[in-house]
Every structure is written in C-alpha cells, then in structure tokens.
Amino acid sequence: ALYVHDSIYVMEATFTRTSGDGGRLRFQDNLSDTGGLQDSQTETELTGGEQSVKFYFKANSYSNVLAIARDNGASGLPVTVKVKSVSLKKVNGNHGTLS
C-alpha cells in the first residue's frame, strides 16, 4: 500500500538508547528536517531504557518515505539507538482524545 498524502496514520515504535548520553529521535515523513508530521509528538528524548511511542499524524508530503532521525546527545557526542519494532498503519476515519 502506498503512503497517501492527507491520510491519517498511526505509528508505533519501540527502541532503546544503547550508548551515549541524552539524544533524541525525530519522526518525520521525508528525509529533511522540515518533515511533514502534523502531530505534537514528533520528537522523543532518549532516557536510556526501553521506550515506546504511539502517535497519530496526517501525511503532509508526497515523498512516500517515513524517516526516523537520531540527534546527538547533550554533550554533542553521538548516541546509538537500537530499534526493536516499528509499525505504521493507515487509520480510517477520524481520531481524537477522550477527556
């Protein structure tokens, strides 16, 4: 199935920082820093333990590429991240937050 512009997707990922201090992962729908994820959780600070993220976004590019980018730690030194799993699914209909 193609990655479709203006469609809603849910992405789930599980990962662990395996070396370094600090750092973060960025999730975006193309390979540039101006990726088109329209969601508040496109960056995740790395804690050192196993972490999972789940978030919804609207595809905002025609690139058909979903990138996970790693940023260096607070000291500027590289960090290493092991990705355990990634899931991307198209969502039919609307999504929202129950309060």
PDB file of N, CA and C in Angstrom:
ATOM      1  N   ALA A   1       0.845  -1.189   0.000  1.00  0.00           N
ATOM      2  CA  ALA A   1       0.000   0.000   0.000  1.00  0.00           C
ATOM      3  C   ALA A   1       0.884   1.244   0.000  1.00  0.00           C
ATOM      4  N   LEU A   2       0.456   2.246  -0.717  1.00  0.00           N
ATOM      5  CA  LEU A   2       1.212   3.486  -0.792  1.00  0.00           C
ATOM      6  C   LEU A   2       0.945   4.365   0.422  1.00  0.00           C
ATOM      7  N   TYR A   3       1.934   5.171   0.732  1.00  0.00           N
ATOM      8  CA  TYR A   3       1.831   6.204   1.768  1.00  0.00           C
ATOM      9  C   TYR A   3       1.095   7.368   1.127  1.00  0.00           C
ATOM     10  N   VAL A   4      -0.106   7.710   1.594  1.00  0.00           N
ATOM     11  CA  VAL A   4      -1.006   8.597   0.879  1.00  0.00           C
ATOM     12  C   VAL A   4      -1.093   9.978   1.537  1.00  0.00           C
ATOM     13  N   HIS A   5      -0.797  11.020   0.755  1.00  0.00           N
ATOM     14  CA  HIS A   5      -0.894  12.412   1.195  1.00  0.00           C
ATOM     15  C   HIS A   5      -2.287  12.681   1.767  1.00  0.00           C
ATOM     16  N   ASP A   6      -2.336  13.420   2.876  1.00  0.00           N
ATOM     17  CA  ASP A   6      -3.566  13.834   3.564  1.00  0.00           C
ATOM     18  C   ASP A   6      -4.283  12.687   4.287  1.00  0.00           C
ATOM     19  N   SER A   7      -3.726  11.497   4.307  1.00  0.00           N
ATOM     20  CA  SER A   7      -4.330  10.401   5.061  1.00  0.00           C
ATOM     21  C   SER A   7      -3.818  10.418   6.501  1.00  0.00           C
ATOM     22  N   ILE A   8      -4.585   9.830   7.407  1.00  0.00           N
ATOM     23  CA  ILE A   8      -4.215   9.753   8.812  1.00  0.00           C
ATOM     24  C   ILE A   8      -3.553   8.398   9.058  1.00  0.00           C
ATOM     25  N   TYR A   9      -2.422   8.420   9.801  1.00  0.00           N
ATOM     26  CA  TYR A   9      -1.677   7.208  10.129  1.00  0.00           C
ATOM     27  C   TYR A   9      -1.415   7.152  11.628  1.00  0.00           C
ATOM     28  N   VAL A  10      -1.205   5.949  12.130  1.00  0.00           N
ATOM     29  CA  VAL A  10      -0.732   5.759  13.492  1.00  0.00           C
ATOM     30  C   VAL A  10       0.617   5.048  13.385  1.00  0.00           C
ATOM     31  N   MET A  11       1.593   5.557  14.125  1.00  0.00           N
ATOM     32  CA  MET A  11       2.912   4.942  14.140  1.00  0.00           C
ATOM     33  C   MET A  11       3.220   4.518  15.563  1.00  0.00           C
ATOM     34  N   GLU A  12       3.753   3.294  15.694  1.00  0.00           N
ATOM     35  CA  GLU A  12       4.213   2.797  16.982  1.00  0.00           C
ATOM     36  C   GLU A  12       5.648   2.327  16.811  1.00  0.00           C
ATOM     37  N   ALA A  13       6.492   2.655  17.769  1.00  0.00           N
ATOM     38  CA  ALA A  13       7.897   2.244  17.715  1.00  0.00           C
ATOM     39  C   ALA A  13       8.383   1.935  19.120  1.00  0.00           C
ATOM     40  N   THR A  14       9.266   0.951  19.233  1.00  0.00           N
ATOM     41  CA  THR A  14       9.921   0.599  20.492  1.00  0.00           C
ATOM     42  C   THR A  14      11.423   0.629  20.244  1.00  0.00           C
ATOM     43  N   PHE A  15      12.164   1.281  21.137  1.00  0.00           N
ATOM     44  CA  PHE A  15      13.591   1.490  20.913  1.00  0.00           C
ATOM     45  C   PHE A  15      14.309   1.703  22.234  1.00  0.00           C
ATOM     46  N   THR A  16      15.637   1.589  22.208  1.00  0.00           N
ATOM     47  CA  THR A  16      16.481   1.762  23.387  1.00  0.00           C
ATOM     48  C   THR A  16      17.753   2.496  22.982  1.00  0.00           C
ATOM     49  N   ARG A  17      18.143   3.486  23.761  1.00  0.00           N
ATOM     50  CA  ARG A  17      19.463   4.094  23.561  1.00  0.00           C
ATOM     51  C   ARG A  17      20.482   3.133  24.149  1.00  0.00           C
ATOM     52  N   THR A  18      21.434   2.684  23.337  1.00  0.00           N
ATOM     53  CA  THR A  18      22.390   1.677  23.789  1.00  0.00           C
ATOM     54  C   THR A  18      23.749   2.264  24.146  1.00  0.00           C
ATOM     55  N   SER A  19      24.029   3.488  23.724  1.00  0.00           N
ATOM     56  CA  SER A  19      25.263   4.157  24.142  1.00  0.00           C
ATOM     57  C   SER A  19      25.082   5.658  24.032  1.00  0.00           C
ATOM     58  N   GLY A  20      25.936   6.393  24.748  1.00  0.00           N
ATOM     59  CA  GLY A  20      25.856   7.845  24.738  1.00  0.00           C
ATOM     60  C   GLY A  20      25.003   8.376  25.867  1.00  0.00           C
ATOM     61  N   ASP A  21      24.862   9.702  25.899  1.00  0.00           N
ATOM     62  CA  ASP A  21      24.141  10.387  26.958  1.00  0.00           C
ATOM     63  C   ASP A  21      23.173  11.371  26.330  1.00  0.00           C
ATOM     64  N   GLY A  22      21.901  11.284  26.690  1.00  0.00           N
ATOM     65  CA  GLY A  22      20.908  12.200  26.128  1.00  0.00           C
ATOM     66  C   GLY A  22      20.521  11.765  24.729  1.00  0.00           C
ATOM     67  N   GLY A  23      20.301  12.741  23.867  1.00  0.00           N
ATOM     68  CA  GLY A  23      19.894  12.477  22.494  1.00  0.00           C
ATOM     69  C   GLY A  23      18.394  12.344  22.372  1.00  0.00           C
ATOM     70  N   ARG A  24      17.942  12.253  21.135  1.00  0.00           N
ATOM     71  CA  ARG A  24      16.508  12.127  20.867  1.00  0.00           C
ATOM     72  C   ARG A  24      16.296  11.505  19.497  1.00  0.00           C
ATOM     73  N   LEU A  25      15.090  10.990  19.298  1.00  0.00           N
ATOM     74  CA  LEU A  25      14.664  10.511  17.990  1.00  0.00           C
ATOM     75  C   LEU A  25      13.618  11.464  17.449  1.00  0.00           C
ATOM     76  N   ARG A  26      13.710  11.742  16.163  1.00  0.00           N
ATOM     77  CA  ARG A  26      12.709  12.556  15.466  1.00  0.00           C
ATOM     78  C   ARG A  26      12.025  11.684  14.423  1.00  0.00           C
ATOM     79  N   PHE A  27      10.719  11.830  14.305  1.00  0.00           N
ATOM     80  CA  PHE A  27       9.932  11.078  13.343  1.00  0.00           C
ATOM     81  C   PHE A  27       9.376  12.066  12.320  1.00  0.00           C
ATOM     82  N   GLN A  28       9.573  11.791  11.040  1.00  0.00           N
ATOM     83  CA  GLN A  28       9.113  12.726  10.007  1.00  0.00           C
ATOM     84  C   GLN A  28       8.798  11.957   8.729  1.00  0.00           C
ATOM     85  N   ASP A  29       7.996  12.588   7.850  1.00  0.00           N
ATOM     86  CA  ASP A  29       7.566  11.847   6.668  1.00  0.00           C
ATOM     87  C   ASP A  29       8.372  12.187   5.420  1.00  0.00           C
ATOM     88  N   ASN A  30       9.581  12.700   5.575  1.00  0.00           N
ATOM     89  CA  ASN A  30      10.532  12.787   4.470  1.00  0.00           C
ATOM     90  C   ASN A  30      11.921  12.874   5.076  1.00  0.00           C
ATOM     91  N   LEU A  31      12.955  13.008   4.282  1.00  0.00           N
ATOM     92  CA  LEU A  31      14.314  12.918   4.795  1.00  0.00           C
ATOM     93  C   LEU A  31      14.919  14.262   5.185  1.00  0.00           C
ATOM     94  N   SER A  32      14.170  15.345   5.106  1.00  0.00           N
ATOM     95  CA  SER A  32      14.700  16.652   5.509  1.00  0.00           C
ATOM     96  C   SER A  32      14.226  16.993   6.912  1.00  0.00           C
ATOM     97  N   ASP A  33      14.857  18.000   7.527  1.00  0.00           N
ATOM     98  CA  ASP A  33      14.464  18.418   8.883  1.00  0.00           C
ATOM     99  C   ASP A  33      13.100  19.067   8.916  1.00  0.00           C
ATOM    100  N   THR A  34      12.548  19.426   7.779  1.00  0.00           N
ATOM    101  CA  THR A  34      11.235  20.063   7.743  1.00  0.00           C
ATOM    102  C   THR A  34      10.160  19.046   7.377  1.00  0.00           C
ATOM    103  N   GLY A  35      10.272  17.870   7.946  1.00  0.00           N
ATOM    104  CA  GLY A  35       9.316  16.797   7.674  1.00  0.00           C
ATOM    105  C   GLY A  35       7.900  17.208   8.010  1.00  0.00           C
ATOM    106  N   GLY A  36       6.945  16.520   7.409  1.00  0.00           N
ATOM    107  CA  GLY A  36       5.569  16.971   7.474  1.00  0.00           C
ATOM    108  C   GLY A  36       4.692  16.313   8.509  1.00  0.00           C
ATOM    109  N   LEU A  37       5.215  15.748   9.566  1.00  0.00           N
ATOM    110  CA  LEU A  37       4.325  15.170  10.571  1.00  0.00           C
ATOM    111  C   LEU A  37       3.555  16.280  11.246  1.00  0.00           C
ATOM    112  N   GLN A  38       2.257  16.154  11.239  1.00  0.00           N
ATOM    113  CA  GLN A  38       1.416  17.154  11.888  1.00  0.00           C
ATOM    114  C   GLN A  38       0.931  16.570  13.204  1.00  0.00           C
ATOM    115  N   ASP A  39       1.800  16.583  14.191  1.00  0.00           N
ATOM    116  CA  ASP A  39       1.499  15.958  15.465  1.00  0.00           C
ATOM    117  C   ASP A  39       2.394  16.578  16.520  1.00  0.00           C
ATOM    118  N   SER A  40       1.943  16.602  17.756  1.00  0.00           N
ATOM    119  CA  SER A  40       2.739  17.222  18.817  1.00  0.00           C
ATOM    120  C   SER A  40       3.895  16.339  19.267  1.00  0.00           C
ATOM    121  N   GLN A  41       3.841  15.046  18.986  1.00  0.00           N
ATOM    122  CA  GLN A  41       4.896  14.148  19.455  1.00  0.00           C
ATOM    123  C   GLN A  41       5.719  13.648  18.281  1.00  0.00           C
ATOM    124  N   THR A  42       6.571  14.521  17.728  1.00  0.00           N
ATOM    125  CA  THR A  42       7.439  14.106  16.640  1.00  0.00           C
ATOM    126  C   THR A  42       8.872  13.952  17.119  1.00  0.00           C
ATOM    127  N   GLU A  43       9.135  14.333  18.377  1.00  0.00           N
ATOM    128  CA  GLU A  43      10.463  14.184  18.961  1.00  0.00           C
ATOM    129  C   GLU A  43      10.344  13.474  20.293  1.00  0.00           C
ATOM    130  N   THR A  44      11.260  12.574  20.558  1.00  0.00           N
ATOM    131  CA  THR A  44      11.256  11.846  21.829  1.00  0.00           C
ATOM    132  C   THR A  44      12.647  11.879  22.429  1.00  0.00           C
ATOM    133  N   GLU A  45      12.755  12.387  23.654  1.00  0.00           N
ATOM    134  CA  GLU A  45      14.038  12.391  24.365  1.00  0.00           C
ATOM    135  C   GLU A  45      14.389  10.970  24.761  1.00  0.00           C
ATOM    136  N   LEU A  46      15.644  10.586  24.567  1.00  0.00           N
ATOM    137  CA  LEU A  46      16.087   9.231  24.898  1.00  0.00           C
ATOM    138  C   LEU A  46      16.469   9.145  26.376  1.00  0.00           C
ATOM    139  N   THR A  47      15.923   8.162  27.081  1.00  0.00           N
ATOM    140  CA  THR A  47      16.144   8.037  28.522  1.00  0.00           C
ATOM    141  C   THR A  47      17.200   7.002  28.873  1.00  0.00           C
ATOM    142  N   GLY A  48      17.494   6.097  27.966  1.00  0.00           N
ATOM    143  CA  GLY A  48      18.441   5.026  28.257  1.00  0.00           C
ATOM    144  C   GLY A  48      17.775   3.688  28.454  1.00  0.00           C
ATOM    145  N   GLY A  49      16.513   3.662  28.874  1.00  0.00           N
ATOM    146  CA  GLY A  49      15.771   2.417  28.997  1.00  0.00           C
ATOM    147  C   GLY A  49      14.957   2.167  27.745  1.00  0.00           C
ATOM    148  N   GLU A  50      14.275   1.022  27.701  1.00  0.00           N
ATOM    149  CA  GLU A  50      13.404   0.754  26.554  1.00  0.00           C
ATOM    150  C   GLU A  50      12.232   1.732  26.577  1.00  0.00           C
ATOM    151  N   GLN A  51      11.936   2.317  25.430  1.00  0.00           N
ATOM    152  CA  GLN A  51      10.858   3.295  25.314  1.00  0.00           C
ATOM    153  C   GLN A  51       9.938   2.897  24.173  1.00  0.00           C
ATOM    154  N   SER A  52       8.685   3.288  24.292  1.00  0.00           N
ATOM    155  CA  SER A  52       7.716   3.087  23.216  1.00  0.00           C
ATOM    156  C   SER A  52       6.980   4.387  22.973  1.00  0.00           C
ATOM    157  N   VAL A  53       6.671   4.655  21.719  1.00  0.00           N
ATOM    158  CA  VAL A  53       5.860   5.813  21.364  1.00  0.00           C
ATOM    159  C   VAL A  53       4.729   5.351  20.456  1.00  0.00           C
ATOM    160  N   LYS A  54       3.621   6.036  20.553  1.00  0.00           N
ATOM    161  CA  LYS A  54       2.481   5.806  19.667  1.00  0.00           C
ATOM    162  C   LYS A  54       1.869   7.170  19.404  1.00  0.00           C
ATOM    163  N   PHE A  55       1.723   7.507  18.133  1.00  0.00           N
ATOM    164  CA  PHE A  55       1.098   8.785  17.841  1.00  0.00           C
ATOM    165  C   PHE A  55       0.450   8.759  16.465  1.00  0.00           C
ATOM    166  N   TYR A  56      -0.513   9.661  16.295  1.00  0.00           N
ATOM    167  CA  TYR A  56      -1.249   9.801  15.050  1.00  0.00           C
ATOM    168  C   TYR A  56      -0.706  11.006  14.306  1.00  0.00           C
ATOM    169  N   PHE A  57      -0.689  10.933  12.982  1.00  0.00           N
ATOM    170  CA  PHE A  57      -0.277  12.091  12.199  1.00  0.00           C
ATOM    171  C   PHE A  57      -0.966  12.067  10.844  1.00  0.00           C
ATOM    172  N   LYS A  58      -0.992  13.243  10.231  1.00  0.00           N
ATOM    173  CA  LYS A  58      -1.534  13.397   8.892  1.00  0.00           C
ATOM    174  C   LYS A  58      -0.369  13.489   7.923  1.00  0.00           C
ATOM    175  N   ALA A  59      -0.339  12.637   6.912  1.00  0.00           N
ATOM    176  CA  ALA A  59       0.738  12.653   5.929  1.00  0.00           C
ATOM    177  C   ALA A  59       0.720  13.989   5.197  1.00  0.00           C
ATOM    178  N   ASN A  60       1.866  14.656   5.179  1.00  0.00           N
ATOM    179  CA  ASN A  60       1.936  16.010   4.644  1.00  0.00           C
ATOM    180  C   ASN A  60       3.020  16.124   3.580  1.00  0.00           C
ATOM    181  N   SER A  61       3.308  15.041   2.882  1.00  0.00           N
ATOM    182  CA  SER A  61       4.259  15.104   1.782  1.00  0.00           C
ATOM    183  C   SER A  61       3.979  13.961   0.829  1.00  0.00           C
ATOM    184  N   TYR A  62       4.490  14.084  -0.372  1.00  0.00           N
ATOM    185  CA  TYR A  62       4.299  13.041  -1.372  1.00  0.00           C
ATOM    186  C   TYR A  62       5.540  12.169  -1.501  1.00  0.00           C
ATOM    187  N   SER A  63       6.424  12.204  -0.507  1.00  0.00           N
ATOM    188  CA  SER A  63       7.718  11.534  -0.632  1.00  0.00           C
ATOM    189  C   SER A  63       7.646  10.021  -0.484  1.00  0.00           C
ATOM    190  N   ASN A  64       6.570   9.490   0.084  1.00  0.00           N
ATOM    191  CA  ASN A  64       6.442   8.055   0.349  1.00  0.00           C
ATOM    192  C   ASN A  64       7.579   7.517   1.211  1.00  0.00           C
ATOM    193  N   VAL A  65       8.158   8.362   2.055  1.00  0.00           N
ATOM    194  CA  VAL A  65       9.254   7.971   2.939  1.00  0.00           C
ATOM    195  C   VAL A  65       8.904   8.406   4.356  1.00  0.00           C
ATOM    196  N   LEU A  66       9.060   7.504   5.321  1.00  0.00           N
ATOM    197  CA  LEU A  66       8.929   7.864   6.725  1.00  0.00           C
ATOM    198  C   LEU A  66      10.296   7.676   7.354  1.00  0.00           C
ATOM    199  N   ALA A  67      10.864   8.753   7.903  1.00  0.00           N
ATOM    200  CA  ALA A  67      12.226   8.705   8.440  1.00  0.00           C
ATOM    201  C   ALA A  67      12.204   8.767   9.956  1.00  0.00           C
ATOM    202  N   ILE A  68      13.150   8.060  10.566  1.00  0.00           N
ATOM    203  CA  ILE A  68      13.430   8.167  11.992  1.00  0.00           C
ATOM    204  C   ILE A  68      14.856   8.673  12.088  1.00  0.00           C
ATOM    205  N   ALA A  69      15.035   9.892  12.597  1.00  0.00           N
ATOM    206  CA  ALA A  69      16.357  10.505  12.669  1.00  0.00           C
ATOM    207  C   ALA A  69      16.833  10.560  14.103  1.00  0.00           C
ATOM    208  N   ARG A  70      18.121  10.305  14.332  1.00  0.00           N
ATOM    209  CA  ARG A  70      18.708  10.338  15.663  1.00  0.00           C
ATOM    210  C   ARG A  70      19.538  11.602  15.800  1.00  0.00           C
ATOM    211  N   ASP A  71      19.330  12.341  16.892  1.00  0.00           N
ATOM    212  CA  ASP A  71      20.129  13.523  17.210  1.00  0.00           C
ATOM    213  C   ASP A  71      21.157  13.168  18.264  1.00  0.00           C
ATOM    214  N   ASN A  72      22.302  13.823  18.217  1.00  0.00           N
ATOM    215  CA  ASN A  72      23.362  13.580  19.194  1.00  0.00           C
ATOM    216  C   ASN A  72      22.928  13.961  20.596  1.00  0.00           C
ATOM    217  N   GLY A  73      23.653  13.465  21.580  1.00  0.00           N
ATOM    218  CA  GLY A  73      23.357  13.745  22.980  1.00  0.00           C
ATOM    219  C   GLY A  73      23.703  15.160  23.376  1.00  0.00           C
ATOM    220  N   ALA A  74      23.418  15.498  24.624  1.00  0.00           N
ATOM    221  CA  ALA A  74      23.633  16.839  25.146  1.00  0.00           C
ATOM    222  C   ALA A  74      25.101  17.254  25.057  1.00  0.00           C
ATOM    223  N   SER A  75      26.009  16.301  25.171  1.00  0.00           N
ATOM    224  CA  SER A  75      27.435  16.603  25.112  1.00  0.00           C
ATOM    225  C   SER A  75      27.910  16.802  23.676  1.00  0.00           C
ATOM    226  N   GLY A  76      27.033  16.575  22.705  1.00  0.00           N
ATOM    227  CA  GLY A  76      27.408  16.679  21.312  1.00  0.00           C
ATOM    228  C   GLY A  76      28.010  15.401  20.762  1.00  0.00           C
ATOM    229  N   LEU A  77      28.217  14.411  21.633  1.00  0.00           N
ATOM    230  CA  LEU A  77      28.777  13.138  21.196  1.00  0.00           C
ATOM    231  C   LEU A  77      27.666  12.245  20.641  1.00  0.00           C
ATOM    232  N   PRO A  78      27.985  11.381  19.703  1.00  0.00           N
ATOM    233  CA  PRO A  78      26.961  10.509  19.117  1.00  0.00           C
ATOM    234  C   PRO A  78      26.342   9.571  20.142  1.00  0.00           C
ATOM    235  N   VAL A  79      25.099   9.225  19.898  1.00  0.00           N
ATOM    236  CA  VAL A  79      24.412   8.193  20.667  1.00  0.00           C
ATOM    237  C   VAL A  79      24.054   7.062  19.704  1.00  0.00           C
ATOM    238  N   THR A  80      23.889   5.873  20.244  1.00  0.00           N
ATOM    239  CA  THR A  80      23.486   4.718  19.449  1.00  0.00           C
ATOM    240  C   THR A  80      22.105   4.285  19.916  1.00  0.00           C
ATOM    241  N   VAL A  81      21.232   4.003  18.963  1.00  0.00           N
ATOM    242  CA  VAL A  81      19.864   3.610  19.272  1.00  0.00           C
ATOM    243  C   VAL A  81      19.557   2.287  18.573  1.00  0.00           C
ATOM    244  N   LYS A  82      18.994   1.351  19.335  1.00  0.00           N
ATOM    245  CA  LYS A  82      18.551   0.079  18.771  1.00  0.00           C
ATOM    246  C   LYS A  82      17.032   0.129  18.652  1.00  0.00           C
ATOM    247  N   VAL A  83      16.526  -0.023  17.435  1.00  0.00           N
ATOM    248  CA  VAL A  83      15.084  -0.025  17.205  1.00  0.00           C
ATOM    249  C   VAL A  83      14.603  -1.466  17.242  1.00  0.00           C
ATOM    250  N   LYS A  84      13.686  -1.733  18.163  1.00  0.00           N
ATOM    251  CA  LYS A  84      13.170  -3.092  18.345  1.00  0.00           C
ATOM    252  C   LYS A  84      12.026  -3.372  17.375  1.00  0.00           C
ATOM    253  N   SER A  85      11.127  -2.402  17.218  1.00  0.00           N
ATOM    254  CA  SER A  85       9.988  -2.605  16.319  1.00  0.00           C
ATOM    255  C   SER A  85       9.443  -1.261  15.852  1.00  0.00           C
ATOM    256  N   VAL A  86       8.860  -1.263  14.650  1.00  0.00           N
ATOM    257  CA  VAL A  86       8.186  -0.088  14.092  1.00  0.00           C
ATOM    258  C   VAL A  86       6.942  -0.583  13.372  1.00  0.00           C
ATOM    259  N   SER A  87       5.826   0.094  13.602  1.00  0.00           N
ATOM    260  CA  SER A  87       4.579  -0.252  12.939  1.00  0.00           C
ATOM    261  C   SER A  87       3.948   1.030  12.412  1.00  0.00           C
ATOM    262  N   LEU A  88       3.505   1.015  11.175  1.00  0.00           N
ATOM    263  CA  LEU A  88       2.824   2.160  10.565  1.00  0.00           C
ATOM    264  C   LEU A  88       1.545   1.653   9.925  1.00  0.00           C
ATOM    265  N   LYS A  89       0.406   2.220  10.357  1.00  0.00           N
ATOM    266  CA  LYS A  89      -0.877   1.774   9.833  1.00  0.00           C
ATOM    267  C   LYS A  89      -1.723   2.969   9.449  1.00  0.00           C
ATOM    268  N   LYS A  90      -2.408   2.850   8.320  1.00  0.00           N
ATOM    269  CA  LYS A  90      -3.361   3.866   7.908  1.00  0.00           C
ATOM    270  C   LYS A  90      -4.606   3.728   8.757  1.00  0.00           C
ATOM    271  N   VAL A  91      -5.168   4.869   9.194  1.00  0.00           N
ATOM    272  CA  VAL A  91      -6.341   4.889  10.048  1.00  0.00           C
ATOM    273  C   VAL A  91      -7.515   5.378   9.230  1.00  0.00           C
ATOM    274  N   ASN A  92      -8.597   4.625   9.241  1.00  0.00           N
ATOM    275  CA  ASN A  92      -9.816   5.063   8.553  1.00  0.00           C
ATOM    276  C   ASN A  92     -10.660   5.900   9.493  1.00  0.00           C
ATOM    277  N   GLY A  93     -11.142   7.029   9.021  1.00  0.00           N
ATOM    278  CA  GLY A  93     -11.969   7.888   9.851  1.00  0.00           C
ATOM    279  C   GLY A  93     -11.155   8.864  10.661  1.00  0.00           C
ATOM    280  N   ASN A  94     -11.780   9.469  11.636  1.00  0.00           N
ATOM    281  CA  ASN A  94     -11.157  10.497  12.462  1.00  0.00           C
ATOM    282  C   ASN A  94     -10.604   9.895  13.733  1.00  0.00           C
ATOM    283  N   HIS A  95      -9.666  10.607  14.347  1.00  0.00           N
ATOM    284  CA  HIS A  95      -9.182  10.215  15.667  1.00  0.00           C
ATOM    285  C   HIS A  95      -9.282  11.429  16.574  1.00  0.00           C
ATOM    286  N   GLY A  96      -9.271  11.213  17.858  1.00  0.00           N
ATOM    287  CA  GLY A  96      -9.373  12.310  18.810  1.00  0.00           C
ATOM    288  C   GLY A  96      -8.932  11.859  20.181  1.00  0.00           C
ATOM    289  N   THR A  97      -9.061  12.747  21.140  1.00  0.00           N
ATOM    290  CA  THR A  97      -8.677  12.457  22.503  1.00  0.00           C
ATOM    291  C   THR A  97      -9.909  12.504  23.389  1.00  0.00           C
ATOM    292  N   LEU A  98     -10.130  11.465  24.155  1.00  0.00           N
ATOM    293  CA  LEU A  98     -11.245  11.450  25.104  1.00  0.00           C
ATOM    294  C   LEU A  98     -10.792  12.122  26.391  1.00  0.00           C
ATOM    295  N   SER A  99     -11.657  12.911  26.967  1.00  0.00           N
ATOM    296  CA  SER A  99     -11.301  13.560  28.231  1.00  0.00           C
ATOM    297  C   SER A  99     -12.354  13.303  29.287  1.00  0.00           C
TER     298      SER A  99
END
